Amino acid sequence: MASSIGNSIKLTLFGESHGQGVGCVIDGLPPNYKLNKALIEKRLNQRKPGQALTTPRAESDEYELLSGYFNEKTTGAPLTVWFVSHNTRSKDYDAIKHVFRPGHADYVGHIKSDGANDYRGGGHFSARLTAPLVFAGAIAEDLLNKRGIQIVSHIFQIGGEKSISLSRYGIFNEDLERLSDATYGIYPDARMRMLDVVEAARNQGDSVGAIIETSVFELPIGLGEPFFDSAESQLSHALFSIPGLKGVSFGDGFDFASKLGSEVIDAFVLDHLGQVQTNANHNGGINGGLTNGMPLTFKCVFKPTASIGKKQNTLNFNTKEMTELEIEGRHDPCIALRAVPIVKAMTALTLLDMLIAHQKSFKDE
């Protein structure tokens, strides 16, 4: 199985949830780049379990750089990072050795690997592997920030409760800073309403779905390649690698179905500096698969966590009989509470890869 993505910047993930650890190899980073360890720590902390309303599994997320970093700078060789796993309880998964969990990758992973997969905690399919992913994404985010490109993501909806859409709200520096630092990436006005929905689901032994919205500012015009490597295609490819993510829409997305063409025209105008922009952004900053200079906006929908406290009926693949399954592990009642930095990570990695291809050459500044 291949677990790599990217061209100019290539990311390879390795490890399993309940193995010795997880990690990644990043190819293509420029030499003499000093890691922004403060940003890396911030993003890892936002992803980390053990916070209120997330799984109580408390991994330290301490990492070790194994290659590609010398004298506090990248060498240009592949950068390898390793996260040791400490807080595992593999006995929680003894019951599912032959009773594959509904909604998980247990069954398909078992078939694909001819029964050789590590089923504990999801093995190589586990969200534990998003720790090195977020590490790599923080590097890409920092390199984009150095070029004036900013990514902001927030939880737009949990259950039936919605926040303010980034595309319908003036984004100011204080908003960018607040959402960047927020644990859950939720506007204060919607925070309690959304977290109440999560708490109610958890108290019932259940879980709830959510939508994360992202906007990217100051992208150059022309990122993307028609037809098959459009900006939407490359971003979607990366985003769908995130565990639990089931849909991506750009701009007005599926709302286009109920609109007239005259209602969603992004007319070209000149701003106060005489620069070309559009008077609206229904298309989410993309025309013809290429970025158009407006904020790149998209939404990601996450399914409710498949691991819930309620009893489920499923098939025992050993006895070939239906059985009742009660999952005892430690799980998140809402994936999105930890997914904001993961969405940002995949966005940053993809856009950095696209930017390098667009510029043809790249050096750290």
Protein backbone atom coordinates (compact mmCIF):
# COMPACT_ATOMS: atom_id res chain seq x y z
CA MET A 1 0.00 0.00 0.00
CA ALA A 2 1.29 3.46 -0.91
CA SER A 3 0.90 6.25 1.64
CA SER A 4 2.53 9.13 -0.23
CA ILE A 5 1.23 12.35 -1.77
CA GLY A 6 2.73 15.33 -3.56
CA ASN A 7 5.17 16.09 -6.36
CA SER A 8 7.62 18.90 -5.58
CA ILE A 9 6.82 18.45 -1.89
CA LYS A 10 6.24 14.76 -1.21
CA LEU A 11 4.85 13.42 2.06
CA THR A 12 5.02 9.76 3.07
CA LEU A 13 3.30 8.49 6.23
CA PHE A 14 4.27 5.35 8.12
CA GLY A 15 3.31 3.49 11.31
CA GLU A 16 0.20 2.07 13.01
CA SER A 17 -2.00 3.31 15.84
CA HIS A 18 -0.90 0.73 18.42
CA GLY A 19 2.56 0.04 17.03
CA GLN A 20 5.77 1.55 18.35
CA GLY A 21 4.96 4.89 16.77
CA VAL A 22 4.05 6.84 13.66
CA GLY A 23 5.94 9.27 11.48
CA CYS A 24 6.51 10.82 8.10
CA VAL A 25 9.17 11.59 5.52
CA ILE A 26 9.05 14.97 3.74
CA ASP A 27 10.92 15.26 0.44
CA GLY A 28 11.54 18.54 -1.36
CA LEU A 29 12.03 21.01 1.50
CA PRO A 30 14.59 23.72 0.76
CA PRO A 31 17.91 23.67 2.64
CA ASN A 32 18.69 26.17 5.41
CA TYR A 33 15.08 26.39 6.60
CA LYS A 34 14.69 26.71 10.38
CA LEU A 35 11.61 24.92 11.68
CA ASN A 36 8.97 27.14 13.27
CA LYS A 37 8.66 24.91 16.33
CA ALA A 38 6.19 27.26 18.03
CA LEU A 39 3.75 26.89 15.13
CA ILE A 40 4.32 23.13 15.00
CA GLU A 41 3.56 22.84 18.72
CA LYS A 42 0.45 25.03 18.39
CA ARG A 43 -0.98 22.91 15.57
CA LEU A 44 -0.14 19.62 17.32
CA ASN A 45 -1.82 20.86 20.51
CA GLN A 46 -4.97 21.73 18.56
CA ARG A 47 -5.06 18.20 17.14
CA LYS A 48 -4.07 16.46 20.38
CA PRO A 49 -6.57 14.15 22.13
CA GLY A 50 -7.26 14.37 25.84
CA GLN A 51 -9.00 17.76 25.72
CA ALA A 52 -12.56 18.41 26.83
CA LEU A 53 -15.12 16.62 24.61
CA THR A 54 -12.42 14.65 22.76
CA THR A 55 -11.09 11.16 23.31
CA PRO A 56 -9.32 10.82 26.69
CA ARG A 57 -6.43 8.96 25.06
CA ALA A 58 -3.58 11.33 25.99
CA GLU A 59 -0.63 11.00 23.62
CA SER A 60 2.25 13.37 24.32
CA ASP A 61 2.87 14.15 20.61
CA GLU A 62 6.57 14.51 21.38
CA TYR A 63 8.56 14.01 18.21
CA GLU A 64 12.11 13.21 17.19
CA LEU A 65 13.82 14.39 14.01
CA LEU A 66 15.65 11.41 12.53
CA SER A 67 17.09 12.90 9.34
CA GLY A 68 17.29 16.01 7.19
CA TYR A 69 17.87 18.48 10.04
CA PHE A 70 21.35 19.60 11.17
CA ASN A 71 22.52 22.63 13.14
CA GLU A 72 18.87 23.72 13.54
CA LYS A 73 18.30 23.92 9.78
CA THR A 74 17.04 21.63 7.04
CA THR A 75 19.78 20.06 4.94
CA GLY A 76 17.73 19.56 1.78
CA ALA A 77 17.75 15.79 2.34
CA PRO A 78 14.47 14.03 3.24
CA LEU A 79 13.21 15.22 6.63
CA THR A 80 12.06 12.31 8.80
CA VAL A 81 10.04 12.76 12.01
CA TRP A 82 9.02 10.07 14.51
CA PHE A 83 6.25 10.14 17.14
CA VAL A 84 6.57 7.41 19.77
CA SER A 85 3.28 5.86 20.94
CA HIS A 86 2.92 5.44 24.71
CA ASN A 87 -0.73 5.55 25.78
CA THR A 88 -2.16 2.53 23.97
CA ARG A 89 -4.67 0.01 25.34
CA SER A 90 -4.68 -2.76 22.78
CA LYS A 91 -6.92 -4.96 24.93
CA ASP A 92 -9.78 -2.61 24.03
CA TYR A 93 -9.64 -4.13 20.54
CA ASP A 94 -9.51 -7.85 21.40
CA ALA A 95 -13.26 -8.14 20.81
CA ILE A 96 -13.05 -6.88 17.21
CA LYS A 97 -10.45 -9.33 15.91
CA HIS A 98 -13.21 -11.20 14.08
CA VAL A 99 -16.05 -8.71 14.59
CA PHE A 100 -15.22 -5.82 12.31
CA ARG A 101 -16.54 -2.44 13.41
CA PRO A 102 -19.27 -0.95 11.19
CA GLY A 103 -18.19 2.24 9.45
CA HIS A 104 -14.46 1.54 9.95
CA ALA A 105 -11.68 0.29 7.68
CA ASP A 106 -11.30 -2.99 9.62
CA TYR A 107 -12.99 -5.22 7.03
CA VAL A 108 -11.65 -3.62 3.86
CA GLY A 109 -8.16 -3.38 5.38
CA HIS A 110 -8.34 -7.06 6.33
CA ILE A 111 -9.28 -8.03 2.78
CA LYS A 112 -6.74 -5.74 1.08
CA SER A 113 -3.87 -7.01 3.26
CA ASP A 114 -4.94 -10.66 3.02
CA GLY A 115 -5.51 -10.69 6.77
CA ALA A 116 -2.09 -9.29 7.70
CA ASN A 117 -3.24 -5.84 8.86
CA ASP A 118 -2.81 -4.57 12.42
CA TYR A 119 -6.45 -4.08 13.44
CA ARG A 120 -5.72 -2.46 16.83
CA GLY A 121 -7.02 1.10 16.88
CA GLY A 122 -7.45 1.06 13.13
CA GLY A 123 -3.78 0.28 12.45
CA HIS A 124 -2.42 2.28 9.53
CA PHE A 125 -5.89 3.74 8.89
CA SER A 126 -5.95 5.40 12.33
CA ALA A 127 -6.29 9.13 12.93
CA ARG A 128 -3.13 8.76 15.04
CA LEU A 129 -1.25 9.20 11.76
CA THR A 130 -2.58 12.74 11.51
CA ALA A 131 0.04 13.77 14.11
CA PRO A 132 2.94 13.60 11.61
CA LEU A 133 0.59 14.95 8.95
CA VAL A 134 -0.06 18.05 11.08
CA PHE A 135 3.69 18.36 11.72
CA ALA A 136 4.34 18.44 7.98
CA GLY A 137 1.43 20.79 7.41
CA ALA A 138 2.76 23.29 9.95
CA ILE A 139 6.02 23.45 8.00
CA ALA A 140 4.12 24.08 4.77
CA GLU A 141 1.91 26.67 6.48
CA ASP A 142 4.96 28.54 7.77
CA LEU A 143 6.56 28.58 4.32
CA LEU A 144 3.31 29.92 2.84
CA ASN A 145 3.04 32.56 5.60
CA LYS A 146 6.51 33.79 4.64
CA ARG A 147 5.04 34.55 1.23
CA GLY A 148 2.03 36.40 2.66
CA ILE A 149 -0.40 33.51 2.16
CA GLN A 150 -2.69 32.84 5.12
CA ILE A 151 -4.99 29.89 5.78
CA VAL A 152 -7.88 30.18 8.21
CA SER A 153 -10.15 27.27 9.08
CA HIS A 154 -13.00 27.06 11.55
CA ILE A 155 -15.85 24.79 12.55
CA PHE A 156 -18.82 26.10 10.60
CA GLN A 157 -21.43 23.58 11.74
CA ILE A 158 -21.93 20.83 14.31
CA GLY A 159 -25.22 18.97 14.09
CA GLY A 160 -27.88 21.58 13.40
CA GLU A 161 -25.94 24.51 14.91
CA LYS A 162 -24.09 26.84 12.54
CA SER A 163 -21.54 29.61 12.95
CA ILE A 164 -20.80 32.60 10.71
CA SER A 165 -19.52 31.69 7.24
CA LEU A 166 -16.11 33.08 6.37
CA SER A 167 -17.45 33.93 2.91
CA ARG A 168 -20.22 36.08 4.39
CA TYR A 169 -18.19 37.84 7.06
CA GLY A 170 -15.45 40.49 6.85
CA ILE A 171 -12.19 38.81 7.89
CA PHE A 172 -9.85 41.08 9.81
CA ASN A 173 -6.46 40.44 11.38
CA GLU A 174 -8.02 39.90 14.81
CA ASP A 175 -10.31 37.24 13.35
CA LEU A 176 -7.40 35.43 11.74
CA GLU A 177 -5.45 35.50 14.99
CA ARG A 178 -8.43 34.39 17.10
CA LEU A 179 -9.34 31.47 14.87
CA SER A 180 -5.69 30.47 14.50
CA ASP A 181 -5.25 30.26 18.28
CA ALA A 182 -8.65 28.79 19.19
CA THR A 183 -8.60 25.20 20.41
CA TYR A 184 -11.65 24.22 18.40
CA GLY A 185 -11.65 26.98 15.78
CA ILE A 186 -15.14 28.19 16.64
CA TYR A 187 -16.35 31.79 16.68
CA PRO A 188 -17.21 32.75 20.29
CA ASP A 189 -20.88 33.42 19.45
CA ALA A 190 -21.38 29.83 18.29
CA ARG A 191 -19.03 28.03 20.67
CA MET A 192 -21.44 27.10 23.45
CA ARG A 193 -24.27 26.14 21.09
CA MET A 194 -22.04 23.77 19.16
CA LEU A 195 -20.32 22.25 22.19
CA ASP A 196 -23.72 21.64 23.79
CA VAL A 197 -24.62 19.52 20.75
CA VAL A 198 -21.42 17.50 21.18
CA GLU A 199 -22.01 17.07 24.92
CA ALA A 200 -25.56 15.86 24.33
CA ALA A 201 -24.36 13.27 21.80
CA ARG A 202 -21.60 12.06 24.11
CA ASN A 203 -23.99 11.71 27.05
CA GLN A 204 -26.15 9.45 24.89
CA GLY A 205 -23.17 7.32 23.87
CA ASP A 206 -23.43 8.74 20.38
CA SER A 207 -21.55 11.05 18.02
CA VAL A 208 -22.34 13.95 15.70
CA GLY A 209 -21.21 15.20 12.28
CA ALA A 210 -19.78 18.59 11.39
CA ILE A 211 -18.54 20.95 8.67
CA ILE A 212 -15.19 22.75 8.68
CA GLU A 213 -14.87 25.83 6.47
CA THR A 214 -11.56 27.15 5.13
CA SER A 215 -10.46 30.35 3.41
CA VAL A 216 -7.02 31.04 1.96
CA PHE A 217 -5.92 34.63 1.39
CA GLU A 218 -3.36 36.23 -0.98
CA LEU A 219 -2.89 33.29 -3.32
CA PRO A 220 -1.39 34.20 -6.70
CA ILE A 221 -3.54 33.94 -9.81
CA GLY A 222 -3.12 30.77 -11.84
CA LEU A 223 -2.41 27.97 -9.36
CA GLY A 224 -3.65 24.68 -10.78
CA GLU A 225 -3.35 22.83 -14.08
CA PRO A 226 -6.24 22.00 -16.43
CA PHE A 227 -7.87 19.53 -16.74
CA PHE A 228 -6.98 16.80 -14.29
CA ASP A 229 -4.78 18.72 -11.87
CA SER A 230 -7.11 21.67 -11.28
CA ALA A 231 -6.91 23.49 -7.97
CA GLU A 232 -10.11 21.74 -6.86
CA SER A 233 -8.83 18.33 -7.99
CA GLN A 234 -5.52 18.58 -6.13
CA LEU A 235 -7.06 19.94 -2.94
CA SER A 236 -9.87 17.38 -2.94
CA HIS A 237 -7.40 14.54 -3.46
CA ALA A 238 -5.46 15.64 -0.38
CA LEU A 239 -8.45 16.49 1.79
CA PHE A 240 -10.17 13.15 1.22
CA SER A 241 -7.19 11.45 2.85
CA ILE A 242 -8.35 12.85 6.21
CA PRO A 243 -10.09 10.15 8.27
CA GLY A 244 -13.85 10.70 8.50
CA LEU A 245 -14.04 13.37 5.78
CA LYS A 246 -16.86 12.53 3.36
CA GLY A 247 -17.39 15.62 1.21
CA VAL A 248 -15.72 18.79 -0.13
CA SER A 249 -17.44 21.74 -1.81
CA PHE A 250 -15.95 24.97 -3.17
CA GLY A 251 -17.54 28.40 -2.99
CA ASP A 252 -21.33 28.08 -2.93
CA GLY A 253 -20.89 24.35 -3.54
CA PHE A 254 -24.12 22.35 -3.59
CA ASP A 255 -26.14 25.55 -3.10
CA PHE A 256 -25.51 26.24 -6.81
CA ALA A 257 -28.20 23.65 -7.58
CA SER A 258 -30.95 25.98 -6.34
CA LYS A 259 -29.59 29.18 -7.93
CA LEU A 260 -30.01 30.97 -11.25
CA GLY A 261 -26.97 31.95 -13.26
CA SER A 262 -27.80 35.62 -12.78
CA GLU A 263 -27.65 35.15 -9.00
CA VAL A 264 -24.13 33.76 -8.86
CA ILE A 265 -22.15 35.83 -11.35
CA ASP A 266 -18.79 36.96 -9.99
CA ALA A 267 -18.42 40.16 -12.02
CA PHE A 268 -14.94 41.62 -12.54
CA VAL A 269 -14.37 45.06 -10.98
CA LEU A 270 -11.48 47.26 -9.90
CA ASP A 271 -10.76 47.72 -6.20
CA HIS A 272 -9.65 50.99 -4.57
CA LEU A 273 -6.06 50.28 -5.64
CA GLY A 274 -7.02 49.65 -9.23
CA GLN A 275 -6.51 45.89 -8.95
CA VAL A 276 -8.85 43.42 -10.65
CA GLN A 277 -11.12 41.43 -8.36
CA THR A 278 -14.69 40.11 -8.42
CA ASN A 279 -17.68 41.74 -6.75
CA ALA A 280 -18.67 38.41 -5.16
CA ASN A 281 -16.99 35.05 -4.59
CA HIS A 282 -19.60 32.41 -5.37
CA ASN A 283 -16.97 30.29 -7.14
CA GLY A 284 -14.69 30.21 -4.11
CA GLY A 285 -11.68 31.84 -5.73
CA ILE A 286 -11.38 29.36 -8.61
CA ASN A 287 -12.29 29.69 -12.30
CA GLY A 288 -11.51 26.98 -14.83
CA GLY A 289 -9.59 25.03 -12.21
CA LEU A 290 -7.19 27.95 -11.58
CA THR A 291 -7.04 30.30 -8.61
CA ASN A 292 -8.30 33.77 -9.55
CA GLY A 293 -6.83 35.91 -6.77
CA MET A 294 -9.95 36.01 -4.62
CA PRO A 295 -10.00 34.11 -1.31
CA LEU A 296 -10.01 30.35 -1.92
CA THR A 297 -13.00 29.02 0.05
CA PHE A 298 -14.27 25.51 0.62
CA LYS A 299 -16.14 23.37 3.13
CA CYS A 300 -15.37 19.84 4.35
CA VAL A 301 -18.07 17.64 5.84
CA PHE A 302 -17.16 15.05 8.47
CA LYS A 303 -19.32 12.07 9.30
CA PRO A 304 -20.25 11.30 12.91
CA THR A 305 -17.56 9.17 14.55
CA ALA A 306 -18.27 5.52 13.75
CA SER A 307 -17.04 4.38 17.19
CA ILE A 308 -19.89 5.06 19.59
CA GLY A 309 -20.91 3.81 23.02
CA LYS A 310 -24.22 2.38 21.86
CA LYS A 311 -24.51 -1.30 21.04
CA GLN A 312 -24.38 -2.16 17.33
CA ASN A 313 -25.38 -5.23 15.37
CA THR A 314 -22.76 -6.62 13.01
CA LEU A 315 -21.35 -9.83 11.58
CA ASN A 316 -18.88 -12.13 13.33
CA PHE A 317 -16.67 -13.13 10.40
CA ASN A 318 -15.39 -16.17 12.30
CA THR A 319 -18.74 -17.74 13.24
CA LYS A 320 -20.64 -16.17 10.29
CA GLU A 321 -23.39 -15.17 12.71
CA MET A 322 -24.83 -11.78 13.63
CA THR A 323 -23.60 -10.50 16.95
CA GLU A 324 -23.94 -7.48 19.24
CA LEU A 325 -20.91 -5.21 19.39
CA GLU A 326 -20.15 -2.73 22.15
CA ILE A 327 -17.01 -0.68 21.48
CA GLU A 328 -15.13 0.02 24.71
CA GLY A 329 -12.25 2.16 23.49
CA ARG A 330 -11.72 5.90 23.96
CA HIS A 331 -13.23 7.87 21.10
CA ASP A 332 -14.23 11.35 19.91
CA PRO A 333 -17.94 12.29 19.92
CA CYS A 334 -17.18 14.76 17.08
CA ILE A 335 -14.26 14.36 14.69
CA ALA A 336 -14.23 18.05 13.77
CA LEU A 337 -13.11 19.16 17.24
CA ARG A 338 -9.62 17.91 16.38
CA ALA A 339 -9.77 18.18 12.61
CA VAL A 340 -9.26 21.93 12.04
CA PRO A 341 -5.42 21.73 12.09
CA ILE A 342 -5.59 18.58 9.93
CA VAL A 343 -7.62 20.39 7.26
CA LYS A 344 -5.17 23.30 7.42
CA ALA A 345 -2.25 20.87 7.12
CA MET A 346 -3.51 19.17 3.97
CA THR A 347 -4.46 22.55 2.51
CA ALA A 348 -1.01 24.00 3.20
CA LEU A 349 0.88 20.99 1.85
CA THR A 350 -1.16 20.97 -1.36
CA LEU A 351 -0.92 24.71 -1.96
CA LEU A 352 2.83 24.74 -1.31
CA ASP A 353 3.25 21.92 -3.82
CA MET A 354 1.14 23.85 -6.34
CA LEU A 355 3.01 27.09 -5.66
CA ILE A 356 6.39 25.47 -6.35
CA ALA A 357 5.08 24.04 -9.61
CA HIS A 358 3.68 27.47 -10.50
CA GLN A 359 6.93 29.30 -9.77
CA LYS A 360 9.17 26.56 -11.23
CA SER A 361 11.84 27.36 -8.64
CA PHE A 362 11.75 27.75 -4.90
CA LYS A 363 14.09 28.93 -2.17
CA ASP A 364 13.39 29.63 1.48
CA GLU A 365 13.28 33.33 2.28
